[in-house]
């Protein structure tokens, strides 16, 4: 059961990191758009992607810390 938790948290962290990088690149590319309506839509969409993926990265980091504290460093 512990292995399943580690694998799930690794998968969440890797996918969240991928979407974080993709959202940041989308945010940077939004500044090159000429149409203001497209800029606003892509800007807010990329910020939403970054927000959700940063939450996933933080979730995985805190889960790793808790699992490491419970399993690898018994008190």
PDB file of N, CA and C in Angstrom:
ATOM      1  N   UNK A   1       0.816  -1.196   0.000  1.00  0.00           N
ATOM      2  CA  UNK A   1       0.000   0.000   0.000  1.00  0.00           C
ATOM      3  C   UNK A   1       0.862   1.263   0.000  1.00  0.00           C
ATOM      4  N   UNK A   2       1.990   1.222   0.681  1.00  0.00           N
ATOM      5  CA  UNK A   2       2.889   2.374   0.720  1.00  0.00           C
ATOM      6  C   UNK A   2       3.463   2.634  -0.671  1.00  0.00           C
ATOM      7  N   UNK A   3       3.784   1.572  -1.410  1.00  0.00           N
ATOM      8  CA  UNK A   3       4.322   1.735  -2.764  1.00  0.00           C
ATOM      9  C   UNK A   3       3.307   2.417  -3.669  1.00  0.00           C
ATOM     10  N   UNK A   4       2.032   2.064  -3.533  1.00  0.00           N
ATOM     11  CA  UNK A   4       0.980   2.702  -4.326  1.00  0.00           C
ATOM     12  C   UNK A   4       0.896   4.194  -4.021  1.00  0.00           C
ATOM     13  N   UNK A   5       1.022   4.563  -2.757  1.00  0.00           N
ATOM     14  CA  UNK A   5       0.985   5.984  -2.389  1.00  0.00           C
ATOM     15  C   UNK A   5       2.171   6.738  -2.975  1.00  0.00           C
ATOM     16  N   UNK A   6       3.361   6.121  -2.918  1.00  0.00           N
ATOM     17  CA  UNK A   6       4.541   6.763  -3.488  1.00  0.00           C
ATOM     18  C   UNK A   6       4.379   6.946  -4.997  1.00  0.00           C
ATOM     19  N   UNK A   7       3.909   5.920  -5.687  1.00  0.00           N
ATOM     20  CA  UNK A   7       3.738   6.002  -7.138  1.00  0.00           C
ATOM     21  C   UNK A   7       2.681   7.035  -7.521  1.00  0.00           C
ATOM     22  N   UNK A   8       1.593   7.075  -6.767  1.00  0.00           N
ATOM     23  CA  UNK A   8       0.545   8.058  -7.039  1.00  0.00           C
ATOM     24  C   UNK A   8       1.059   9.475  -6.848  1.00  0.00           C
ATOM     25  N   UNK A   9       1.804   9.706  -5.786  1.00  0.00           N
ATOM     26  CA  UNK A   9       2.335  11.042  -5.524  1.00  0.00           C
ATOM     27  C   UNK A   9       3.397  11.438  -6.545  1.00  0.00           C
ATOM     28  N   UNK A  10       4.204  10.486  -6.990  1.00  0.00           N
ATOM     29  CA  UNK A  10       5.183  10.767  -8.040  1.00  0.00           C
ATOM     30  C   UNK A  10       4.470  11.132  -9.333  1.00  0.00           C
ATOM     31  N   UNK A  11       3.421  10.397  -9.681  1.00  0.00           N
ATOM     32  CA  UNK A  11       2.664  10.687 -10.896  1.00  0.00           C
ATOM     33  C   UNK A  11       2.007  12.060 -10.830  1.00  0.00           C
ATOM     34  N   UNK A  12       1.409  12.386  -9.702  1.00  0.00           N
ATOM     35  CA  UNK A  12       0.793  13.709  -9.536  1.00  0.00           C
ATOM     36  C   UNK A  12       1.851  14.810  -9.632  1.00  0.00           C
ATOM     37  N   UNK A  13       2.994  14.604  -9.017  1.00  0.00           N
ATOM     38  CA  UNK A  13       4.055  15.611  -9.058  1.00  0.00           C
ATOM     39  C   UNK A  13       4.625  15.814 -10.449  1.00  0.00           C
ATOM     40  N   UNK A  14       4.850  14.720 -11.179  1.00  0.00           N
ATOM     41  CA  UNK A  14       5.421  14.828 -12.524  1.00  0.00           C
ATOM     42  C   UNK A  14       4.425  15.479 -13.479  1.00  0.00           C
ATOM     43  N   UNK A  15       3.173  15.047 -13.435  1.00  0.00           N
ATOM     44  CA  UNK A  15       2.160  15.653 -14.310  1.00  0.00           C
ATOM     45  C   UNK A  15       1.938  17.131 -13.970  1.00  0.00           C
ATOM     46  N   UNK A  16       1.928  17.447 -12.697  1.00  0.00           N
ATOM     47  CA  UNK A  16       1.755  18.841 -12.297  1.00  0.00           C
ATOM     48  C   UNK A  16       2.938  19.693 -12.731  1.00  0.00           C
ATOM     49  N   UNK A  17       4.141  19.155 -12.635  1.00  0.00           N
ATOM     50  CA  UNK A  17       5.322  19.897 -13.075  1.00  0.00           C
ATOM     51  C   UNK A  17       5.283  20.125 -14.586  1.00  0.00           C
ATOM     52  N   UNK A  18       4.837  19.112 -15.345  1.00  0.00           N
ATOM     53  CA  UNK A  18       4.702  19.269 -16.790  1.00  0.00           C
ATOM     54  C   UNK A  18       3.711  20.379 -17.125  1.00  0.00           C
ATOM     55  N   UNK A  19       2.541  20.360 -16.493  1.00  0.00           N
ATOM     56  CA  UNK A  19       1.548  21.382 -16.779  1.00  0.00           C
ATOM     57  C   UNK A  19       1.973  22.757 -16.266  1.00  0.00           C
ATOM     58  N   UNK A  20       2.782  22.802 -15.222  1.00  0.00           N
ATOM     59  CA  UNK A  20       3.312  24.081 -14.745  1.00  0.00           C
ATOM     60  C   UNK A  20       4.227  24.703 -15.794  1.00  0.00           C
ATOM     61  N   UNK A  21       5.125  23.899 -16.351  1.00  0.00           N
ATOM     62  CA  UNK A  21       6.026  24.400 -17.391  1.00  0.00           C
ATOM     63  C   UNK A  21       5.242  24.789 -18.636  1.00  0.00           C
ATOM     64  N   UNK A  22       4.260  23.986 -19.002  1.00  0.00           N
ATOM     65  CA  UNK A  22       3.438  24.289 -20.177  1.00  0.00           C
ATOM     66  C   UNK A  22       2.634  25.576 -19.961  1.00  0.00           C
ATOM     67  N   UNK A  23       2.082  25.759 -18.774  1.00  0.00           N
ATOM     68  CA  UNK A  23       1.328  26.972 -18.475  1.00  0.00           C
ATOM     69  C   UNK A  23       2.188  28.210 -18.500  1.00  0.00           C
ATOM     70  N   UNK A  24       3.422  28.102 -18.000  1.00  0.00           N
ATOM     71  CA  UNK A  24       4.335  29.246 -18.026  1.00  0.00           C
ATOM     72  C   UNK A  24       4.724  29.584 -19.462  1.00  0.00           C
ATOM     73  N   UNK A  25       4.988  28.559 -20.283  1.00  0.00           N
ATOM     74  CA  UNK A  25       5.319  28.841 -21.680  1.00  0.00           C
ATOM     75  C   UNK A  25       4.125  29.428 -22.428  1.00  0.00           C
ATOM     76  N   UNK A  26       2.923  28.989 -22.092  1.00  0.00           N
ATOM     77  CA  UNK A  26       1.723  29.558 -22.693  1.00  0.00           C
ATOM     78  C   UNK A  26       1.540  31.013 -22.261  1.00  0.00           C
ATOM     79  N   UNK A  27       1.851  31.298 -21.010  1.00  0.00           N
ATOM     80  CA  UNK A  27       1.761  32.669 -20.505  1.00  0.00           C
ATOM     81  C   UNK A  27       2.760  33.583 -21.223  1.00  0.00           C
ATOM     82  N   UNK A  28       3.965  33.109 -21.436  1.00  0.00           N
ATOM     83  CA  UNK A  28       4.967  33.899 -22.135  1.00  0.00           C
ATOM     84  C   UNK A  28       4.553  34.121 -23.583  1.00  0.00           C
ATOM     85  N   UNK A  29       4.011  33.089 -24.223  1.00  0.00           N
ATOM     86  CA  UNK A  29       3.605  33.239 -25.627  1.00  0.00           C
ATOM     87  C   UNK A  29       2.375  34.135 -25.776  1.00  0.00           C
ATOM     88  N   UNK A  30       1.609  34.311 -24.716  1.00  0.00           N
ATOM     89  CA  UNK A  30       0.433  35.185 -24.798  1.00  0.00           C
ATOM     90  C   UNK A  30       0.822  36.632 -25.050  1.00  0.00           C
ATOM     91  N   UNK A  31       1.994  37.025 -24.584  1.00  0.00           N
ATOM     92  CA  UNK A  31       2.420  38.408 -24.767  1.00  0.00           C
ATOM     93  C   UNK A  31       2.794  38.723 -26.216  1.00  0.00           C
ATOM     94  N   UNK A  32       2.961  37.702 -27.048  1.00  0.00           N
ATOM     95  CA  UNK A  32       3.275  37.930 -28.447  1.00  0.00           C
ATOM     96  C   UNK A  32       2.056  38.034 -29.344  1.00  0.00           C
ATOM     97  N   UNK A  33       0.871  37.929 -28.783  1.00  0.00           N
ATOM     98  CA  UNK A  33      -0.348  37.970 -29.593  1.00  0.00           C
ATOM     99  C   UNK A  33      -0.710  39.402 -29.953  1.00  0.00           C
ATOM    100  N   UNK A  34      -1.321  39.544 -31.129  1.00  0.00           N
ATOM    101  CA  UNK A  34      -1.700  40.879 -31.612  1.00  0.00           C
ATOM    102  C   UNK A  34      -3.136  41.235 -31.263  1.00  0.00           C
ATOM    103  N   UNK A  35      -4.009  40.247 -31.191  1.00  0.00           N
ATOM    104  CA  UNK A  35      -5.418  40.491 -30.902  1.00  0.00           C
ATOM    105  C   UNK A  35      -5.606  40.596 -29.380  1.00  0.00           C
ATOM    106  N   UNK A  36      -6.152  41.698 -28.866  1.00  0.00           N
ATOM    107  CA  UNK A  36      -6.296  41.858 -27.416  1.00  0.00           C
ATOM    108  C   UNK A  36      -7.268  40.859 -26.787  1.00  0.00           C
ATOM    109  N   UNK A  37      -8.286  40.454 -27.520  1.00  0.00           N
ATOM    110  CA  UNK A  37      -9.244  39.487 -26.964  1.00  0.00           C
ATOM    111  C   UNK A  37      -8.576  38.130 -26.793  1.00  0.00           C
ATOM    112  N   UNK A  38      -7.797  37.713 -27.790  1.00  0.00           N
ATOM    113  CA  UNK A  38      -7.062  36.447 -27.672  1.00  0.00           C
ATOM    114  C   UNK A  38      -6.049  36.521 -26.532  1.00  0.00           C
ATOM    115  N   UNK A  39      -5.389  37.674 -26.401  1.00  0.00           N
ATOM    116  CA  UNK A  39      -4.415  37.833 -25.327  1.00  0.00           C
ATOM    117  C   UNK A  39      -5.070  37.633 -23.968  1.00  0.00           C
ATOM    118  N   UNK A  40      -6.207  38.263 -23.752  1.00  0.00           N
ATOM    119  CA  UNK A  40      -6.878  38.163 -22.453  1.00  0.00           C
ATOM    120  C   UNK A  40      -7.314  36.726 -22.181  1.00  0.00           C
ATOM    121  N   UNK A  41      -7.849  36.053 -23.193  1.00  0.00           N
ATOM    122  CA  UNK A  41      -8.306  34.671 -22.996  1.00  0.00           C
ATOM    123  C   UNK A  41      -7.136  33.741 -22.693  1.00  0.00           C
ATOM    124  N   UNK A  42      -6.050  33.854 -23.461  1.00  0.00           N
ATOM    125  CA  UNK A  42      -4.890  32.985 -23.245  1.00  0.00           C
ATOM    126  C   UNK A  42      -4.197  33.339 -21.936  1.00  0.00           C
ATOM    127  N   UNK A  43      -4.145  34.607 -21.598  1.00  0.00           N
ATOM    128  CA  UNK A  43      -3.507  35.042 -20.358  1.00  0.00           C
ATOM    129  C   UNK A  43      -4.209  34.432 -19.139  1.00  0.00           C
ATOM    130  N   UNK A  44      -5.527  34.556 -19.086  1.00  0.00           N
ATOM    131  CA  UNK A  44      -6.245  34.020 -17.929  1.00  0.00           C
ATOM    132  C   UNK A  44      -6.272  32.494 -17.922  1.00  0.00           C
ATOM    133  N   UNK A  45      -6.340  31.887 -19.094  1.00  0.00           N
ATOM    134  CA  UNK A  45      -6.308  30.422 -19.155  1.00  0.00           C
ATOM    135  C   UNK A  45      -4.960  29.889 -18.678  1.00  0.00           C
ATOM    136  N   UNK A  46      -3.876  30.526 -19.099  1.00  0.00           N
ATOM    137  CA  UNK A  46      -2.558  30.060 -18.681  1.00  0.00           C
ATOM    138  C   UNK A  46      -2.341  30.302 -17.193  1.00  0.00           C
ATOM    139  N   UNK A  47      -2.853  31.395 -16.663  1.00  0.00           N
ATOM    140  CA  UNK A  47      -2.752  31.616 -15.215  1.00  0.00           C
ATOM    141  C   UNK A  47      -3.524  30.565 -14.437  1.00  0.00           C
ATOM    142  N   UNK A  48      -4.666  30.145 -14.962  1.00  0.00           N
ATOM    143  CA  UNK A  48      -5.440  29.096 -14.313  1.00  0.00           C
ATOM    144  C   UNK A  48      -4.688  27.762 -14.353  1.00  0.00           C
ATOM    145  N   UNK A  49      -4.055  27.456 -15.487  1.00  0.00           N
ATOM    146  CA  UNK A  49      -3.254  26.230 -15.598  1.00  0.00           C
ATOM    147  C   UNK A  49      -2.104  26.260 -14.605  1.00  0.00           C
ATOM    148  N   UNK A  50      -1.431  27.409 -14.495  1.00  0.00           N
ATOM    149  CA  UNK A  50      -0.309  27.535 -13.560  1.00  0.00           C
ATOM    150  C   UNK A  50      -0.790  27.384 -12.123  1.00  0.00           C
ATOM    151  N   UNK A  51      -1.926  27.970 -11.789  1.00  0.00           N
ATOM    152  CA  UNK A  51      -2.460  27.891 -10.431  1.00  0.00           C
ATOM    153  C   UNK A  51      -2.790  26.451 -10.045  1.00  0.00           C
ATOM    154  N   UNK A  52      -3.489  25.743 -10.922  1.00  0.00           N
ATOM    155  CA  UNK A  52      -3.876  24.364 -10.621  1.00  0.00           C
ATOM    156  C   UNK A  52      -2.648  23.457 -10.548  1.00  0.00           C
ATOM    157  N   UNK A  53      -1.708  23.608 -11.470  1.00  0.00           N
ATOM    158  CA  UNK A  53      -0.536  22.741 -11.465  1.00  0.00           C
ATOM    159  C   UNK A  53       0.404  23.059 -10.300  1.00  0.00           C
ATOM    160  N   UNK A  54       0.495  24.317  -9.894  1.00  0.00           N
ATOM    161  CA  UNK A  54       1.307  24.642  -8.716  1.00  0.00           C
ATOM    162  C   UNK A  54       0.698  24.029  -7.462  1.00  0.00           C
ATOM    163  N   UNK A  55      -0.619  23.986  -7.404  1.00  0.00           N
ATOM    164  CA  UNK A  55      -1.285  23.314  -6.285  1.00  0.00           C
ATOM    165  C   UNK A  55      -0.953  21.831  -6.278  1.00  0.00           C
ATOM    166  N   UNK A  56      -0.926  21.211  -7.454  1.00  0.00           N
ATOM    167  CA  UNK A  56      -0.562  19.792  -7.548  1.00  0.00           C
ATOM    168  C   UNK A  56       0.871  19.534  -7.134  1.00  0.00           C
ATOM    169  N   UNK A  57       1.782  20.430  -7.502  1.00  0.00           N
ATOM    170  CA  UNK A  57       3.181  20.277  -7.107  1.00  0.00           C
ATOM    171  C   UNK A  57       3.322  20.409  -5.592  1.00  0.00           C
ATOM    172  N   UNK A  58       2.649  21.395  -5.013  1.00  0.00           N
ATOM    173  CA  UNK A  58       2.702  21.555  -3.548  1.00  0.00           C
ATOM    174  C   UNK A  58       2.070  20.366  -2.833  1.00  0.00           C
ATOM    175  N   UNK A  59       0.967  19.852  -3.369  1.00  0.00           N
ATOM    176  CA  UNK A  59       0.321  18.677  -2.782  1.00  0.00           C
ATOM    177  C   UNK A  59       1.289  17.503  -2.769  1.00  0.00           C
ATOM    178  N   UNK A  60       1.932  17.249  -3.903  1.00  0.00           N
ATOM    179  CA  UNK A  60       2.871  16.128  -3.981  1.00  0.00           C
ATOM    180  C   UNK A  60       4.056  16.344  -3.048  1.00  0.00           C
ATOM    181  N   UNK A  61       4.553  17.573  -2.953  1.00  0.00           N
ATOM    182  CA  UNK A  61       5.699  17.842  -2.083  1.00  0.00           C
ATOM    183  C   UNK A  61       5.353  17.603  -0.616  1.00  0.00           C
ATOM    184  N   UNK A  62       4.186  18.062  -0.182  1.00  0.00           N
ATOM    185  CA  UNK A  62       3.796  17.835   1.208  1.00  0.00           C
ATOM    186  C   UNK A  62       3.508  16.365   1.491  1.00  0.00           C
ATOM    187  N   UNK A  63       2.966  15.648   0.510  1.00  0.00           N
ATOM    188  CA  UNK A  63       2.734  14.212   0.695  1.00  0.00           C
ATOM    189  C   UNK A  63       4.061  13.460   0.788  1.00  0.00           C
ATOM    190  N   UNK A  64       5.047  13.836  -0.061  1.00  0.00           N
ATOM    191  CA  UNK A  64       6.362  13.213   0.027  1.00  0.00           C
ATOM    192  C   UNK A  64       6.985  13.461   1.383  1.00  0.00           C
ATOM    193  N   UNK A  65       6.862  14.680   1.871  1.00  0.00           N
ATOM    194  CA  UNK A  65       7.443  15.009   3.171  1.00  0.00           C
ATOM    195  C   UNK A  65       6.796  14.187   4.283  1.00  0.00           C
ATOM    196  N   UNK A  66       5.472  14.049   4.245  1.00  0.00           N
ATOM    197  CA  UNK A  66       4.770  13.288   5.271  1.00  0.00           C
ATOM    198  C   UNK A  66       5.117  11.799   5.186  1.00  0.00           C
ATOM    199  N   UNK A  67       5.125  11.237   3.956  1.00  0.00           N
ATOM    200  CA  UNK A  67       5.464   9.822   3.811  1.00  0.00           C
ATOM    201  C   UNK A  67       6.907   9.552   4.195  1.00  0.00           C
ATOM    202  N   UNK A  68       7.816  10.463   3.850  1.00  0.00           N
ATOM    203  CA  UNK A  68       9.210  10.289   4.216  1.00  0.00           C
ATOM    204  C   UNK A  68       9.377  10.344   5.726  1.00  0.00           C
ATOM    205  N   UNK A  69       8.640  11.238   6.364  1.00  0.00           N
ATOM    206  CA  UNK A  69       8.744  11.376   7.814  1.00  0.00           C
ATOM    207  C   UNK A  69       8.185  10.152   8.531  1.00  0.00           C
ATOM    208  N   UNK A  70       7.116   9.564   7.980  1.00  0.00           N
ATOM    209  CA  UNK A  70       6.502   8.412   8.627  1.00  0.00           C
ATOM    210  C   UNK A  70       7.217   7.092   8.347  1.00  0.00           C
ATOM    211  N   UNK A  71       7.730   6.904   7.132  1.00  0.00           N
ATOM    212  CA  UNK A  71       8.267   5.594   6.766  1.00  0.00           C
ATOM    213  C   UNK A  71       9.787   5.512   6.890  1.00  0.00           C
ATOM    214  N   UNK A  72      10.493   6.527   6.453  1.00  0.00           N
ATOM    215  CA  UNK A  72      11.952   6.437   6.427  1.00  0.00           C
ATOM    216  C   UNK A  72      12.601   6.896   7.727  1.00  0.00           C
ATOM    217  N   UNK A  73      11.931   7.721   8.485  1.00  0.00           N
ATOM    218  CA  UNK A  73      12.477   8.206   9.767  1.00  0.00           C
ATOM    219  C   UNK A  73      11.497   7.851  10.892  1.00  0.00           C
ATOM    220  N   UNK A  74      11.460   6.601  11.308  1.00  0.00           N
ATOM    221  CA  UNK A  74      10.531   6.259  12.391  1.00  0.00           C
ATOM    222  C   UNK A  74      10.961   6.905  13.704  1.00  0.00           C
ATOM    223  N   UNK A  75       9.992   7.338  14.471  1.00  0.00           N
ATOM    224  CA  UNK A  75      10.314   7.997  15.745  1.00  0.00           C
ATOM    225  C   UNK A  75      10.327   7.035  16.897  1.00  0.00           C
TER     226      UNK A  75
END
